[in-house]
Amino acid sequence: MPSSQYGTDTDFPPSGSRHYILLNSNEAPVGAELDMVKFAMLKADAHLACLDDIISKADAGLGQLAEQRASLSSYRARNRAILSPLRRVPPEILVEIFL
């Protein structure tokens, strides 16, 4: 995985390394390779937790922005209604039209 701007860097193993070979084959790990794979999983878990936290915060921020947008859109629509030509028609004429 490429470097992250959030400081929880998890790198993919270099091409040709034993870890890379294990990832791209059905070979079983032996000896110290088990610890290497477990450590890689721990690093990935930590990075995933960090990304989940960032995503959660972004979702919360997005929700707040959506609420602000809806409120501003409603405010704009109410202001637009003030400019309606119908508002400038005298009430006496409206009574004649609709009664």
C-alpha atoms as a PDB file:
ATOM      1  CA  MET A   1       0.000   0.000   0.000  1.00  0.00           C
ATOM      2  CA  PRO A   2       1.419   3.429  -0.813  1.00  0.00           C
ATOM      3  CA  SER A   3       2.477   5.846   1.895  1.00  0.00           C
ATOM      4  CA  SER A   4      -0.332   7.632   3.610  1.00  0.00           C
ATOM      5  CA  GLN A   5      -0.445  11.263   4.640  1.00  0.00           C
ATOM      6  CA  TYR A   6      -1.873  10.079   7.959  1.00  0.00           C
ATOM      7  CA  GLY A   7       1.294   8.430   9.243  1.00  0.00           C
ATOM      8  CA  THR A   8       0.165   4.806   9.342  1.00  0.00           C
ATOM      9  CA  ASP A   9       2.221   3.580   6.449  1.00  0.00           C
ATOM     10  CA  THR A  10       1.675  -0.004   5.308  1.00  0.00           C
ATOM     11  CA  ASP A  11       3.896  -1.026   2.424  1.00  0.00           C
ATOM     12  CA  PHE A  12       3.389  -3.910   0.043  1.00  0.00           C
ATOM     13  CA  PRO A  13       6.377  -6.220  -0.065  1.00  0.00           C
ATOM     14  CA  PRO A  14       8.844  -5.669  -2.900  1.00  0.00           C
ATOM     15  CA  SER A  15       8.455  -7.785  -6.004  1.00  0.00           C
ATOM     16  CA  GLY A  16      10.492 -10.965  -5.745  1.00  0.00           C
ATOM     17  CA  SER A  17      10.595 -11.014  -1.927  1.00  0.00           C
ATOM     18  CA  ARG A  18       9.490 -14.130  -0.078  1.00  0.00           C
ATOM     19  CA  HIS A  19       6.464 -12.288   1.280  1.00  0.00           C
ATOM     20  CA  TYR A  20       5.511 -11.204  -2.247  1.00  0.00           C
ATOM     21  CA  ILE A  21       5.827 -14.806  -3.422  1.00  0.00           C
ATOM     22  CA  LEU A  22       3.585 -16.006  -0.576  1.00  0.00           C
ATOM     23  CA  LEU A  23       0.983 -13.382  -1.475  1.00  0.00           C
ATOM     24  CA  ASN A  24       0.918 -14.467  -5.101  1.00  0.00           C
ATOM     25  CA  SER A  25       1.045 -18.237  -4.745  1.00  0.00           C
ATOM     26  CA  ASN A  26      -0.463 -21.075  -2.761  1.00  0.00           C
ATOM     27  CA  GLU A  27       2.782 -21.832  -0.920  1.00  0.00           C
ATOM     28  CA  ALA A  28       2.517 -22.252   2.833  1.00  0.00           C
ATOM     29  CA  PRO A  29       4.657 -20.057   5.079  1.00  0.00           C
ATOM     30  CA  VAL A  30       7.273 -21.793   7.215  1.00  0.00           C
ATOM     31  CA  GLY A  31       9.086 -20.805  10.393  1.00  0.00           C
ATOM     32  CA  ALA A  32       9.740 -17.075  10.692  1.00  0.00           C
ATOM     33  CA  GLU A  33       7.536 -16.416   7.665  1.00  0.00           C
ATOM     34  CA  LEU A  34       4.516 -16.992   9.897  1.00  0.00           C
ATOM     35  CA  ASP A  35       5.607 -14.138  12.170  1.00  0.00           C
ATOM     36  CA  MET A  36       6.352 -11.940   9.143  1.00  0.00           C
ATOM     37  CA  VAL A  37       2.823 -12.484   7.795  1.00  0.00           C
ATOM     38  CA  LYS A  38       1.238 -11.930  11.223  1.00  0.00           C
ATOM     39  CA  PHE A  39       3.197  -8.685  11.618  1.00  0.00           C
ATOM     40  CA  ALA A  40       2.088  -7.540   8.160  1.00  0.00           C
ATOM     41  CA  MET A  41      -1.505  -8.243   9.181  1.00  0.00           C
ATOM     42  CA  LEU A  42      -1.084  -6.237  12.405  1.00  0.00           C
ATOM     43  CA  LYS A  43       0.261  -3.277  10.423  1.00  0.00           C
ATOM     44  CA  ALA A  44      -2.629  -3.580   7.966  1.00  0.00           C
ATOM     45  CA  ASP A  45      -5.136  -3.751  10.848  1.00  0.00           C
ATOM     46  CA  ALA A  46      -3.695  -0.574  12.375  1.00  0.00           C
ATOM     47  CA  HIS A  47      -3.832   1.216   9.043  1.00  0.00           C
ATOM     48  CA  LEU A  48      -7.412   0.029   8.423  1.00  0.00           C
ATOM     49  CA  ALA A  49      -8.468   1.306  11.856  1.00  0.00           C
ATOM     50  CA  CYS A  50      -6.899   4.676  11.084  1.00  0.00           C
ATOM     51  CA  LEU A  51      -8.623   4.849   7.696  1.00  0.00           C
ATOM     52  CA  ASP A  52     -11.959   3.841   9.259  1.00  0.00           C
ATOM     53  CA  ASP A  53     -11.577   6.681  11.769  1.00  0.00           C
ATOM     54  CA  ILE A  54     -10.787   9.184   9.021  1.00  0.00           C
ATOM     55  CA  ILE A  55     -13.741   7.966   6.935  1.00  0.00           C
ATOM     56  CA  SER A  56     -16.056   8.233   9.953  1.00  0.00           C
ATOM     57  CA  LYS A  57     -14.959  11.817  10.606  1.00  0.00           C
ATOM     58  CA  ALA A  58     -15.339  12.681   6.925  1.00  0.00           C
ATOM     59  CA  ASP A  59     -18.855  11.190   6.894  1.00  0.00           C
ATOM     60  CA  ALA A  60     -19.807  13.269   9.942  1.00  0.00           C
ATOM     61  CA  GLY A  61     -18.419  16.394   8.304  1.00  0.00           C
ATOM     62  CA  LEU A  62     -20.252  15.594   5.099  1.00  0.00           C
ATOM     63  CA  GLY A  63     -23.504  15.230   7.032  1.00  0.00           C
ATOM     64  CA  GLN A  64     -23.008  18.650   8.602  1.00  0.00           C
ATOM     65  CA  LEU A  65     -22.291  20.185   5.210  1.00  0.00           C
ATOM     66  CA  ALA A  66     -25.415  18.571   3.748  1.00  0.00           C
ATOM     67  CA  GLU A  67     -27.516  20.045   6.577  1.00  0.00           C
ATOM     68  CA  GLN A  68     -26.001  23.493   6.028  1.00  0.00           C
ATOM     69  CA  ARG A  69     -26.655  23.212   2.299  1.00  0.00           C
ATOM     70  CA  ALA A  70     -30.297  22.212   2.832  1.00  0.00           C
ATOM     71  CA  SER A  71     -30.818  25.114   5.223  1.00  0.00           C
ATOM     72  CA  LEU A  72     -29.212  27.616   2.851  1.00  0.00           C
ATOM     73  CA  SER A  73     -31.174  26.232  -0.102  1.00  0.00           C
ATOM     74  CA  SER A  74     -34.429  26.661   1.833  1.00  0.00           C
ATOM     75  CA  TYR A  75     -33.438  30.211   2.791  1.00  0.00           C
ATOM     76  CA  ARG A  76     -32.682  31.018  -0.848  1.00  0.00           C
ATOM     77  CA  ALA A  77     -36.019  29.589  -2.020  1.00  0.00           C
ATOM     78  CA  ARG A  78     -37.893  31.671   0.557  1.00  0.00           C
ATOM     79  CA  ASN A  79     -36.077  34.788  -0.650  1.00  0.00           C
ATOM     80  CA  ARG A  80     -36.891  33.929  -4.245  1.00  0.00           C
ATOM     81  CA  ALA A  81     -40.572  33.675  -3.314  1.00  0.00           C
ATOM     82  CA  ILE A  82     -40.418  37.289  -2.102  1.00  0.00           C
ATOM     83  CA  LEU A  83     -39.519  38.325  -5.653  1.00  0.00           C
ATOM     84  CA  SER A  84     -42.524  36.529  -7.169  1.00  0.00           C
ATOM     85  CA  PRO A  85     -44.474  38.779  -9.554  1.00  0.00           C
ATOM     86  CA  LEU A  86     -47.676  37.506  -7.933  1.00  0.00           C
ATOM     87  CA  ARG A  87     -46.759  39.354  -4.743  1.00  0.00           C
ATOM     88  CA  ARG A  88     -46.908  42.638  -6.640  1.00  0.00           C
ATOM     89  CA  VAL A  89     -50.453  42.100  -7.870  1.00  0.00           C
ATOM     90  CA  PRO A  90     -52.840  44.205  -5.761  1.00  0.00           C
ATOM     91  CA  PRO A  91     -55.096  42.150  -3.486  1.00  0.00           C
ATOM     92  CA  GLU A  92     -58.208  43.689  -5.071  1.00  0.00           C
ATOM     93  CA  ILE A  93     -57.287  42.183  -8.438  1.00  0.00           C
ATOM     94  CA  LEU A  94     -56.617  38.789  -6.891  1.00  0.00           C
ATOM     95  CA  VAL A  95     -60.070  38.882  -5.270  1.00  0.00           C
ATOM     96  CA  GLU A  96     -61.653  39.591  -8.670  1.00  0.00           C
ATOM     97  CA  ILE A  97     -59.747  36.730 -10.294  1.00  0.00           C
ATOM     98  CA  PHE A  98     -60.328  34.051  -7.675  1.00  0.00           C
ATOM     99  CA  LEU A  99     -63.775  34.871  -6.301  1.00  0.00           C
END
